[in-house]
Amino acid sequence: MIITTTPSIEGRPIREYMGIVTGEAILGANVFKDFGASIRDVIGGRAAGYEKDLQKARETALEEMQQIAEGLGANAVVGVDLDYETLKGSMLMVTASGTAVKVD
């Protein structure tokens, strides 16, 4: 399945629009990651634990969106948008949305 942020796929005309599809992932961070990240905020550096959580949440949201698109009979998702939010301080939410389509 082709997944792209662009509204079309060069050389692959869209034959049918199947509808908007979304995927969400909400992950909670733990107290140890929060403590380690707060130290890195003061002394500088990257928060590798949070980066891994963010990557996992993004992949989960995209996979869920793809599964829904496949269920509609689509072979591509165009116009994909990723949004990131924090909930209640240490919860991370990633949403992926796009338009499921059939392309040649």
PDB file of N, CA and C in Angstrom:
ATOM      1  N   MET A   1       0.852  -1.181   0.000  1.00  0.00           N
ATOM      2  CA  MET A   1       0.000   0.000   0.000  1.00  0.00           C
ATOM      3  C   MET A   1       0.893   1.237   0.000  1.00  0.00           C
ATOM      4  N   ILE A   2       0.523   2.191  -0.840  1.00  0.00           N
ATOM      5  CA  ILE A   2       1.244   3.463  -0.894  1.00  0.00           C
ATOM      6  C   ILE A   2       0.611   4.407   0.119  1.00  0.00           C
ATOM      7  N   ILE A   3       1.453   5.004   0.959  1.00  0.00           N
ATOM      8  CA  ILE A   3       0.988   6.003   1.916  1.00  0.00           C
ATOM      9  C   ILE A   3       1.840   7.242   1.703  1.00  0.00           C
ATOM     10  N   THR A   4       1.172   8.367   1.419  1.00  0.00           N
ATOM     11  CA  THR A   4       1.915   9.585   1.104  1.00  0.00           C
ATOM     12  C   THR A   4       1.226  10.826   1.662  1.00  0.00           C
ATOM     13  N   THR A   5       2.040  11.830   1.942  1.00  0.00           N
ATOM     14  CA  THR A   5       1.495  13.097   2.425  1.00  0.00           C
ATOM     15  C   THR A   5       1.011  13.976   1.276  1.00  0.00           C
ATOM     16  N   THR A   6       1.357  13.614   0.056  1.00  0.00           N
ATOM     17  CA  THR A   6       0.958  14.405  -1.107  1.00  0.00           C
ATOM     18  C   THR A   6      -0.489  14.083  -1.496  1.00  0.00           C
ATOM     19  N   PRO A   7      -1.162  15.007  -2.189  1.00  0.00           N
ATOM     20  CA  PRO A   7      -2.560  14.772  -2.545  1.00  0.00           C
ATOM     21  C   PRO A   7      -2.754  13.826  -3.727  1.00  0.00           C
ATOM     22  N   SER A   8      -1.660  13.462  -4.393  1.00  0.00           N
ATOM     23  CA  SER A   8      -1.741  12.539  -5.519  1.00  0.00           C
ATOM     24  C   SER A   8      -0.433  11.758  -5.599  1.00  0.00           C
ATOM     25  N   ILE A   9      -0.422  10.757  -6.471  1.00  0.00           N
ATOM     26  CA  ILE A   9       0.765   9.929  -6.661  1.00  0.00           C
ATOM     27  C   ILE A   9       1.158  10.049  -8.130  1.00  0.00           C
ATOM     28  N   GLU A  10       2.327  10.593  -8.370  1.00  0.00           N
ATOM     29  CA  GLU A  10       2.769  10.837  -9.738  1.00  0.00           C
ATOM     30  C   GLU A  10       2.749   9.537 -10.544  1.00  0.00           C
ATOM     31  N   GLY A  11       2.110   9.604 -11.715  1.00  0.00           N
ATOM     32  CA  GLY A  11       2.037   8.453 -12.605  1.00  0.00           C
ATOM     33  C   GLY A  11       1.021   7.402 -12.207  1.00  0.00           C
ATOM     34  N   ARG A  12       0.268   7.630 -11.142  1.00  0.00           N
ATOM     35  CA  ARG A  12      -0.740   6.676 -10.658  1.00  0.00           C
ATOM     36  C   ARG A  12      -2.062   7.418 -10.461  1.00  0.00           C
ATOM     37  N   PRO A  13      -2.849   7.571 -11.516  1.00  0.00           N
ATOM     38  CA  PRO A  13      -4.103   8.316 -11.381  1.00  0.00           C
ATOM     39  C   PRO A  13      -5.057   7.685 -10.367  1.00  0.00           C
ATOM     40  N   ILE A  14      -5.729   8.554  -9.617  1.00  0.00           N
ATOM     41  CA  ILE A  14      -6.721   8.089  -8.642  1.00  0.00           C
ATOM     42  C   ILE A  14      -7.991   7.738  -9.399  1.00  0.00           C
ATOM     43  N   ARG A  15      -8.450   6.503  -9.204  1.00  0.00           N
ATOM     44  CA  ARG A  15      -9.660   6.018  -9.887  1.00  0.00           C
ATOM     45  C   ARG A  15     -10.902   6.102  -9.008  1.00  0.00           C
ATOM     46  N   GLU A  16     -10.698   6.032  -7.700  1.00  0.00           N
ATOM     47  CA  GLU A  16     -11.856   6.055  -6.800  1.00  0.00           C
ATOM     48  C   GLU A  16     -11.416   6.549  -5.420  1.00  0.00           C
ATOM     49  N   TYR A  17     -12.247   7.408  -4.836  1.00  0.00           N
ATOM     50  CA  TYR A  17     -12.031   7.889  -3.475  1.00  0.00           C
ATOM     51  C   TYR A  17     -12.890   7.044  -2.546  1.00  0.00           C
ATOM     52  N   MET A  18     -12.257   6.446  -1.545  1.00  0.00           N
ATOM     53  CA  MET A  18     -12.953   5.527  -0.652  1.00  0.00           C
ATOM     54  C   MET A  18     -13.398   6.204   0.652  1.00  0.00           C
ATOM     55  N   GLY A  19     -12.800   7.346   0.974  1.00  0.00           N
ATOM     56  CA  GLY A  19     -13.188   8.065   2.184  1.00  0.00           C
ATOM     57  C   GLY A  19     -12.004   8.352   3.087  1.00  0.00           C
ATOM     58  N   ILE A  20     -12.275   9.114   4.123  1.00  0.00           N
ATOM     59  CA  ILE A  20     -11.254   9.485   5.098  1.00  0.00           C
ATOM     60  C   ILE A  20     -10.996   8.300   6.026  1.00  0.00           C
ATOM     61  N   VAL A  21      -9.726   8.066   6.289  1.00  0.00           N
ATOM     62  CA  VAL A  21      -9.337   7.010   7.219  1.00  0.00           C
ATOM     63  C   VAL A  21      -8.421   7.613   8.286  1.00  0.00           C
ATOM     64  N   THR A  22      -8.510   7.060   9.484  1.00  0.00           N
ATOM     65  CA  THR A  22      -7.699   7.569  10.581  1.00  0.00           C
ATOM     66  C   THR A  22      -7.112   6.413  11.387  1.00  0.00           C
ATOM     67  N   GLY A  23      -6.074   6.729  12.114  1.00  0.00           N
ATOM     68  CA  GLY A  23      -5.485   5.795  13.061  1.00  0.00           C
ATOM     69  C   GLY A  23      -5.005   6.589  14.257  1.00  0.00           C
ATOM     70  N   GLU A  24      -5.140   6.022  15.427  1.00  0.00           N
ATOM     71  CA  GLU A  24      -4.727   6.714  16.644  1.00  0.00           C
ATOM     72  C   GLU A  24      -3.898   5.782  17.510  1.00  0.00           C
ATOM     73  N   ALA A  25      -3.008   6.388  18.251  1.00  0.00           N
ATOM     74  CA  ALA A  25      -2.232   5.645  19.242  1.00  0.00           C
ATOM     75  C   ALA A  25      -2.025   6.549  20.449  1.00  0.00           C
ATOM     76  N   ILE A  26      -2.295   6.021  21.620  1.00  0.00           N
ATOM     77  CA  ILE A  26      -2.061   6.760  22.863  1.00  0.00           C
ATOM     78  C   ILE A  26      -1.145   5.905  23.730  1.00  0.00           C
ATOM     79  N   LEU A  27      -0.031   6.483  24.090  1.00  0.00           N
ATOM     80  CA  LEU A  27       0.942   5.787  24.918  1.00  0.00           C
ATOM     81  C   LEU A  27       1.220   6.591  26.170  1.00  0.00           C
ATOM     82  N   GLY A  28       1.394   5.893  27.266  1.00  0.00           N
ATOM     83  CA  GLY A  28       1.744   6.558  28.511  1.00  0.00           C
ATOM     84  C   GLY A  28       3.231   6.413  28.779  1.00  0.00           C
ATOM     85  N   ALA A  29       3.826   7.462  29.252  1.00  0.00           N
ATOM     86  CA  ALA A  29       5.228   7.401  29.666  1.00  0.00           C
ATOM     87  C   ALA A  29       5.270   7.029  31.140  1.00  0.00           C
ATOM     88  N   ASN A  30       6.404   6.507  31.577  1.00  0.00           N
ATOM     89  CA  ASN A  30       6.487   6.143  32.987  1.00  0.00           C
ATOM     90  C   ASN A  30       7.300   7.162  33.768  1.00  0.00           C
ATOM     91  N   VAL A  31       7.277   7.032  35.059  1.00  0.00           N
ATOM     92  CA  VAL A  31       7.908   8.010  35.959  1.00  0.00           C
ATOM     93  C   VAL A  31       9.419   8.084  35.736  1.00  0.00           C
ATOM     94  N   PHE A  32      10.051   6.971  35.404  1.00  0.00           N
ATOM     95  CA  PHE A  32      11.497   6.973  35.201  1.00  0.00           C
ATOM     96  C   PHE A  32      11.881   7.747  33.935  1.00  0.00           C
ATOM     97  N   LYS A  33      11.100   7.580  32.874  1.00  0.00           N
ATOM     98  CA  LYS A  33      11.354   8.353  31.654  1.00  0.00           C
ATOM     99  C   LYS A  33      11.133   9.837  31.921  1.00  0.00           C
ATOM    100  N   ASP A  34      10.069  10.153  32.659  1.00  0.00           N
ATOM    101  CA  ASP A  34       9.796  11.557  32.989  1.00  0.00           C
ATOM    102  C   ASP A  34      10.954  12.169  33.767  1.00  0.00           C
ATOM    103  N   PHE A  35      11.468  11.426  34.744  1.00  0.00           N
ATOM    104  CA  PHE A  35      12.577  11.923  35.550  1.00  0.00           C
ATOM    105  C   PHE A  35      13.824  12.104  34.692  1.00  0.00           C
ATOM    106  N   GLY A  36      14.141  11.104  33.861  1.00  0.00           N
ATOM    107  CA  GLY A  36      15.310  11.197  32.987  1.00  0.00           C
ATOM    108  C   GLY A  36      15.191  12.335  31.996  1.00  0.00           C
ATOM    109  N   ALA A  37      13.990  12.534  31.459  1.00  0.00           N
ATOM    110  CA  ALA A  37      13.776  13.623  30.494  1.00  0.00           C
ATOM    111  C   ALA A  37      13.916  14.976  31.167  1.00  0.00           C
ATOM    112  N   SER A  38      13.457  15.090  32.418  1.00  0.00           N
ATOM    113  CA  SER A  38      13.567  16.381  33.095  1.00  0.00           C
ATOM    114  C   SER A  38      15.028  16.722  33.374  1.00  0.00           C
ATOM    115  N   ILE A  39      15.852  15.719  33.661  1.00  0.00           N
ATOM    116  CA  ILE A  39      17.284  15.960  33.852  1.00  0.00           C
ATOM    117  C   ILE A  39      17.920  16.415  32.535  1.00  0.00           C
ATOM    118  N   ARG A  40      17.563  15.748  31.440  1.00  0.00           N
ATOM    119  CA  ARG A  40      18.109  16.130  30.134  1.00  0.00           C
ATOM    120  C   ARG A  40      17.661  17.536  29.725  1.00  0.00           C
ATOM    121  N   ASP A  41      16.451  17.939  30.166  1.00  0.00           N
ATOM    122  CA  ASP A  41      16.002  19.310  29.895  1.00  0.00           C
ATOM    123  C   ASP A  41      16.961  20.321  30.515  1.00  0.00           C
ATOM    124  N   VAL A  42      17.487  19.999  31.685  1.00  0.00           N
ATOM    125  CA  VAL A  42      18.370  20.917  32.401  1.00  0.00           C
ATOM    126  C   VAL A  42      19.785  20.881  31.826  1.00  0.00           C
ATOM    127  N   ILE A  43      20.301  19.676  31.580  1.00  0.00           N
ATOM    128  CA  ILE A  43      21.700  19.561  31.158  1.00  0.00           C
ATOM    129  C   ILE A  43      21.861  19.442  29.644  1.00  0.00           C
ATOM    130  N   GLY A  44      20.774  19.253  28.935  1.00  0.00           N
ATOM    131  CA  GLY A  44      20.833  19.114  27.478  1.00  0.00           C
ATOM    132  C   GLY A  44      20.928  17.651  27.077  1.00  0.00           C
ATOM    133  N   GLY A  45      20.650  17.384  25.837  1.00  0.00           N
ATOM    134  CA  GLY A  45      20.704  16.018  25.331  1.00  0.00           C
ATOM    135  C   GLY A  45      19.354  15.558  24.842  1.00  0.00           C
ATOM    136  N   ARG A  46      19.369  14.390  24.240  1.00  0.00           N
ATOM    137  CA  ARG A  46      18.153  13.823  23.670  1.00  0.00           C
ATOM    138  C   ARG A  46      17.523  12.845  24.639  1.00  0.00           C
ATOM    139  N   ALA A  47      16.198  12.798  24.626  1.00  0.00           N
ATOM    140  CA  ALA A  47      15.446  11.876  25.477  1.00  0.00           C
ATOM    141  C   ALA A  47      15.118  10.635  24.653  1.00  0.00           C
ATOM    142  N   ALA A  48      16.059   9.688  24.603  1.00  0.00           N
ATOM    143  CA  ALA A  48      15.935   8.510  23.741  1.00  0.00           C
ATOM    144  C   ALA A  48      14.690   7.691  24.061  1.00  0.00           C
ATOM    145  N   GLY A  49      14.332   7.578  25.327  1.00  0.00           N
ATOM    146  CA  GLY A  49      13.133   6.821  25.697  1.00  0.00           C
ATOM    147  C   GLY A  49      11.882   7.410  25.092  1.00  0.00           C
ATOM    148  N   TYR A  50      11.757   8.726  25.156  1.00  0.00           N
ATOM    149  CA  TYR A  50      10.602   9.391  24.554  1.00  0.00           C
ATOM    150  C   TYR A  50      10.634   9.286  23.034  1.00  0.00           C
ATOM    151  N   GLU A  51      11.808   9.366  22.449  1.00  0.00           N
ATOM    152  CA  GLU A  51      11.913   9.244  20.989  1.00  0.00           C
ATOM    153  C   GLU A  51      11.419   7.872  20.524  1.00  0.00           C
ATOM    154  N   LYS A  52      11.770   6.826  21.269  1.00  0.00           N
ATOM    155  CA  LYS A  52      11.301   5.479  20.919  1.00  0.00           C
ATOM    156  C   LYS A  52       9.791   5.374  21.077  1.00  0.00           C
ATOM    157  N   ASP A  53       9.246   5.958  22.148  1.00  0.00           N
ATOM    158  CA  ASP A  53       7.798   5.954  22.338  1.00  0.00           C
ATOM    159  C   ASP A  53       7.089   6.698  21.217  1.00  0.00           C
ATOM    160  N   LEU A  54       7.643   7.824  20.826  1.00  0.00           N
ATOM    161  CA  LEU A  54       7.056   8.612  19.751  1.00  0.00           C
ATOM    162  C   LEU A  54       7.073   7.837  18.441  1.00  0.00           C
ATOM    163  N   GLN A  55       8.173   7.188  18.136  1.00  0.00           N
ATOM    164  CA  GLN A  55       8.276   6.384  16.916  1.00  0.00           C
ATOM    165  C   GLN A  55       7.266   5.241  16.935  1.00  0.00           C
ATOM    166  N   LYS A  56       7.144   4.568  18.069  1.00  0.00           N
ATOM    167  CA  LYS A  56       6.194   3.462  18.194  1.00  0.00           C
ATOM    168  C   LYS A  56       4.761   3.945  18.010  1.00  0.00           C
ATOM    169  N   ALA A  57       4.417   5.071  18.614  1.00  0.00           N
ATOM    170  CA  ALA A  57       3.059   5.615  18.486  1.00  0.00           C
ATOM    171  C   ALA A  57       2.763   5.998  17.036  1.00  0.00           C
ATOM    172  N   ARG A  58       3.725   6.624  16.367  1.00  0.00           N
ATOM    173  CA  ARG A  58       3.541   7.006  14.966  1.00  0.00           C
ATOM    174  C   ARG A  58       3.318   5.773  14.091  1.00  0.00           C
ATOM    175  N   GLU A  59       4.146   4.754  14.277  1.00  0.00           N
ATOM    176  CA  GLU A  59       4.011   3.519  13.490  1.00  0.00           C
ATOM    177  C   GLU A  59       2.671   2.843  13.743  1.00  0.00           C
ATOM    178  N   THR A  60       2.228   2.830  14.989  1.00  0.00           N
ATOM    179  CA  THR A  60       0.941   2.226  15.339  1.00  0.00           C
ATOM    180  C   THR A  60      -0.211   2.966  14.663  1.00  0.00           C
ATOM    181  N   ALA A  61      -0.185   4.299  14.717  1.00  0.00           N
ATOM    182  CA  ALA A  61      -1.252   5.093  14.106  1.00  0.00           C
ATOM    183  C   ALA A  61      -1.291   4.873  12.589  1.00  0.00           C
ATOM    184  N   LEU A  62      -0.127   4.846  11.948  1.00  0.00           N
ATOM    185  CA  LEU A  62      -0.073   4.627  10.501  1.00  0.00           C
ATOM    186  C   LEU A  62      -0.545   3.219  10.134  1.00  0.00           C
ATOM    187  N   GLU A  63      -0.160   2.223  10.911  1.00  0.00           N
ATOM    188  CA  GLU A  63      -0.596   0.849  10.654  1.00  0.00           C
ATOM    189  C   GLU A  63      -2.109   0.711  10.789  1.00  0.00           C
ATOM    190  N   GLU A  64      -2.671   1.338  11.818  1.00  0.00           N
ATOM    191  CA  GLU A  64      -4.125   1.289  12.011  1.00  0.00           C
ATOM    192  C   GLU A  64      -4.846   1.958  10.845  1.00  0.00           C
ATOM    193  N   MET A  65      -4.347   3.112  10.416  1.00  0.00           N
ATOM    194  CA  MET A  65      -4.945   3.817   9.283  1.00  0.00           C
ATOM    195  C   MET A  65      -4.878   2.949   8.022  1.00  0.00           C
ATOM    196  N   GLN A  66      -3.745   2.293   7.797  1.00  0.00           N
ATOM    197  CA  GLN A  66      -3.576   1.429   6.628  1.00  0.00           C
ATOM    198  C   GLN A  66      -4.545   0.257   6.665  1.00  0.00           C
ATOM    199  N   GLN A  67      -4.720  -0.358   7.819  1.00  0.00           N
ATOM    200  CA  GLN A  67      -5.644  -1.489   7.942  1.00  0.00           C
ATOM    201  C   GLN A  67      -7.073  -1.078   7.620  1.00  0.00           C
ATOM    202  N   ILE A  68      -7.463   0.101   8.077  1.00  0.00           N
ATOM    203  CA  ILE A  68      -8.817   0.584   7.783  1.00  0.00           C
ATOM    204  C   ILE A  68      -8.968   0.837   6.285  1.00  0.00           C
ATOM    205  N   ALA A  69      -7.947   1.419   5.665  1.00  0.00           N
ATOM    206  CA  ALA A  69      -7.984   1.673   4.220  1.00  0.00           C
ATOM    207  C   ALA A  69      -8.086   0.364   3.449  1.00  0.00           C
ATOM    208  N   GLU A  70      -7.313  -0.639   3.850  1.00  0.00           N
ATOM    209  CA  GLU A  70      -7.371  -1.941   3.192  1.00  0.00           C
ATOM    210  C   GLU A  70      -8.763  -2.555   3.320  1.00  0.00           C
ATOM    211  N   GLY A  71      -9.378  -2.365   4.474  1.00  0.00           N
ATOM    212  CA  GLY A  71     -10.729  -2.867   4.692  1.00  0.00           C
ATOM    213  C   GLY A  71     -11.762  -2.227   3.775  1.00  0.00           C
ATOM    214  N   LEU A  72     -11.475  -1.012   3.326  1.00  0.00           N
ATOM    215  CA  LEU A  72     -12.368  -0.329   2.382  1.00  0.00           C
ATOM    216  C   LEU A  72     -12.074  -0.721   0.935  1.00  0.00           C
ATOM    217  N   GLY A  73     -11.005  -1.477   0.723  1.00  0.00           N
ATOM    218  CA  GLY A  73     -10.631  -1.875  -0.635  1.00  0.00           C
ATOM    219  C   GLY A  73      -9.657  -0.923  -1.299  1.00  0.00           C
ATOM    220  N   ALA A  74      -9.067  -0.025  -0.546  1.00  0.00           N
ATOM    221  CA  ALA A  74      -8.118   0.950  -1.097  1.00  0.00           C
ATOM    222  C   ALA A  74      -6.745   0.306  -1.280  1.00  0.00           C
ATOM    223  N   ASN A  75      -5.961   0.873  -2.195  1.00  0.00           N
ATOM    224  CA  ASN A  75      -4.578   0.424  -2.353  1.00  0.00           C
ATOM    225  C   ASN A  75      -3.585   1.563  -2.119  1.00  0.00           C
ATOM    226  N   ALA A  76      -4.098   2.712  -1.636  1.00  0.00           N
ATOM    227  CA  ALA A  76      -3.235   3.841  -1.301  1.00  0.00           C
ATOM    228  C   ALA A  76      -3.977   4.774  -0.353  1.00  0.00           C
ATOM    229  N   VAL A  77      -3.198   5.574   0.378  1.00  0.00           N
ATOM    230  CA  VAL A  77      -3.758   6.639   1.204  1.00  0.00           C
ATOM    231  C   VAL A  77      -2.983   7.902   0.875  1.00  0.00           C
ATOM    232  N   VAL A  78      -3.705   8.935   0.444  1.00  0.00           N
ATOM    233  CA  VAL A  78      -3.070  10.196   0.057  1.00  0.00           C
ATOM    234  C   VAL A  78      -3.432  11.290   1.063  1.00  0.00           C
ATOM    235  N   GLY A  79      -2.644  12.371   1.032  1.00  0.00           N
ATOM    236  CA  GLY A  79      -2.917  13.512   1.899  1.00  0.00           C
ATOM    237  C   GLY A  79      -2.770  13.192   3.374  1.00  0.00           C
ATOM    238  N   VAL A  80      -1.860  12.305   3.721  1.00  0.00           N
ATOM    239  CA  VAL A  80      -1.702  11.875   5.114  1.00  0.00           C
ATOM    240  C   VAL A  80      -1.166  13.021   5.965  1.00  0.00           C
ATOM    241  N   ASP A  81      -1.779  13.182   7.125  1.00  0.00           N
ATOM    242  CA  ASP A  81      -1.368  14.194   8.101  1.00  0.00           C
ATOM    243  C   ASP A  81      -1.145  13.500   9.435  1.00  0.00           C
ATOM    244  N   LEU A  82      -0.042  13.820  10.079  1.00  0.00           N
ATOM    245  CA  LEU A  82       0.256  13.293  11.408  1.00  0.00           C
ATOM    246  C   LEU A  82       0.159  14.414  12.425  1.00  0.00           C
ATOM    247  N   ASP A  83      -0.538  14.164  13.513  1.00  0.00           N
ATOM    248  CA  ASP A  83      -0.673  15.142  14.594  1.00  0.00           C
ATOM    249  C   ASP A  83      -0.213  14.507  15.895  1.00  0.00           C
ATOM    250  N   TYR A  84       0.437  15.316  16.723  1.00  0.00           N
ATOM    251  CA  TYR A  84       0.972  14.870  18.009  1.00  0.00           C
ATOM    252  C   TYR A  84       0.400  15.747  19.112  1.00  0.00           C
ATOM    253  N   GLU A  85      -0.068  15.119  20.173  1.00  0.00           N
ATOM    254  CA  GLU A  85      -0.618  15.845  21.314  1.00  0.00           C
ATOM    255  C   GLU A  85      -0.170  15.169  22.601  1.00  0.00           C
ATOM    256  N   THR A  86      -0.100  15.930  23.667  1.00  0.00           N
ATOM    257  CA  THR A  86       0.110  15.351  24.985  1.00  0.00           C
ATOM    258  C   THR A  86      -1.194  15.450  25.757  1.00  0.00           C
ATOM    259  N   LEU A  87      -1.486  14.417  26.509  1.00  0.00           N
ATOM    260  CA  LEU A  87      -2.702  14.352  27.308  1.00  0.00           C
ATOM    261  C   LEU A  87      -2.314  14.120  28.756  1.00  0.00           C
ATOM    262  N   LYS A  88      -2.877  14.879  29.656  1.00  0.00           N
ATOM    263  CA  LYS A  88      -2.645  14.710  31.089  1.00  0.00           C
ATOM    264  C   LYS A  88      -1.161  14.638  31.440  1.00  0.00           C
ATOM    265  N   GLY A  89      -0.362  15.434  30.785  1.00  0.00           N
ATOM    266  CA  GLY A  89       1.049  15.540  31.146  1.00  0.00           C
ATOM    267  C   GLY A  89       1.961  14.500  30.550  1.00  0.00           C
ATOM    268  N   SER A  90       1.704  13.208  30.791  1.00  0.00           N
ATOM    269  CA  SER A  90       2.659  12.204  30.337  1.00  0.00           C
ATOM    270  C   SER A  90       2.073  11.203  29.356  1.00  0.00           C
ATOM    271  N   MET A  91       0.896  11.477  28.847  1.00  0.00           N
ATOM    272  CA  MET A  91       0.306  10.619  27.816  1.00  0.00           C
ATOM    273  C   MET A  91       0.577  11.251  26.458  1.00  0.00           C
ATOM    274  N   LEU A  92       0.953  10.439  25.506  1.00  0.00           N
ATOM    275  CA  LEU A  92       1.255  10.911  24.161  1.00  0.00           C
ATOM    276  C   LEU A  92       0.229  10.346  23.188  1.00  0.00           C
ATOM    277  N   MET A  93      -0.386  11.217  22.389  1.00  0.00           N
ATOM    278  CA  MET A  93      -1.347  10.776  21.390  1.00  0.00           C
ATOM    279  C   MET A  93      -0.842  11.171  20.013  1.00  0.00           C
ATOM    280  N   VAL A  94      -0.844  10.197  19.112  1.00  0.00           N
ATOM    281  CA  VAL A  94      -0.489  10.444  17.721  1.00  0.00           C
ATOM    282  C   VAL A  94      -1.681  10.028  16.873  1.00  0.00           C
ATOM    283  N   THR A  95      -2.104  10.912  15.983  1.00  0.00           N
ATOM    284  CA  THR A  95      -3.178  10.577  15.056  1.00  0.00           C
ATOM    285  C   THR A  95      -2.664  10.701  13.631  1.00  0.00           C
ATOM    286  N   ALA A  96      -3.091   9.779  12.801  1.00  0.00           N
ATOM    287  CA  ALA A  96      -2.773   9.805  11.377  1.00  0.00           C
ATOM    288  C   ALA A  96      -4.096   9.826  10.639  1.00  0.00           C
ATOM    289  N   SER A  97      -4.228  10.695   9.645  1.00  0.00           N
ATOM    290  CA  SER A  97      -5.451  10.735   8.861  1.00  0.00           C
ATOM    291  C   SER A  97      -5.097  10.990   7.407  1.00  0.00           C
ATOM    292  N   GLY A  98      -5.924  10.487   6.526  1.00  0.00           N
ATOM    293  CA  GLY A  98      -5.708  10.659   5.099  1.00  0.00           C
ATOM    294  C   GLY A  98      -6.932  10.212   4.343  1.00  0.00           C
ATOM    295  N   THR A  99      -6.821  10.202   3.022  1.00  0.00           N
ATOM    296  CA  THR A  99      -7.910   9.770   2.161  1.00  0.00           C
ATOM    297  C   THR A  99      -7.550   8.455   1.502  1.00  0.00           C
ATOM    298  N   ALA A 100      -8.365   7.443   1.741  1.00  0.00           N
ATOM    299  CA  ALA A 100      -8.155   6.135   1.130  1.00  0.00           C
ATOM    300  C   ALA A 100      -8.626   6.209  -0.318  1.00  0.00           C
ATOM    301  N   VAL A 101      -7.796   5.708  -1.234  1.00  0.00           N
ATOM    302  CA  VAL A 101      -8.094   5.770  -2.659  1.00  0.00           C
ATOM    303  C   VAL A 101      -7.698   4.466  -3.354  1.00  0.00           C
ATOM    304  N   LYS A 102      -8.251   4.303  -4.557  1.00  0.00           N
ATOM    305  CA  LYS A 102      -7.786   3.253  -5.462  1.00  0.00           C
ATOM    306  C   LYS A 102      -7.035   3.936  -6.586  1.00  0.00           C
ATOM    307  N   VAL A 103      -5.820   3.493  -6.820  1.00  0.00           N
ATOM    308  CA  VAL A 103      -5.007   4.043  -7.904  1.00  0.00           C
ATOM    309  C   VAL A 103      -4.672   2.938  -8.887  1.00  0.00           C
ATOM    310  N   ASP A 104      -4.326   3.335 -10.108  1.00  0.00           N
ATOM    311  CA  ASP A 104      -3.891   2.350 -11.112  1.00  0.00           C
ATOM    312  C   ASP A 104      -2.517   1.829 -10.772  1.00  0.00           C
TER     313      ASP A 104
END
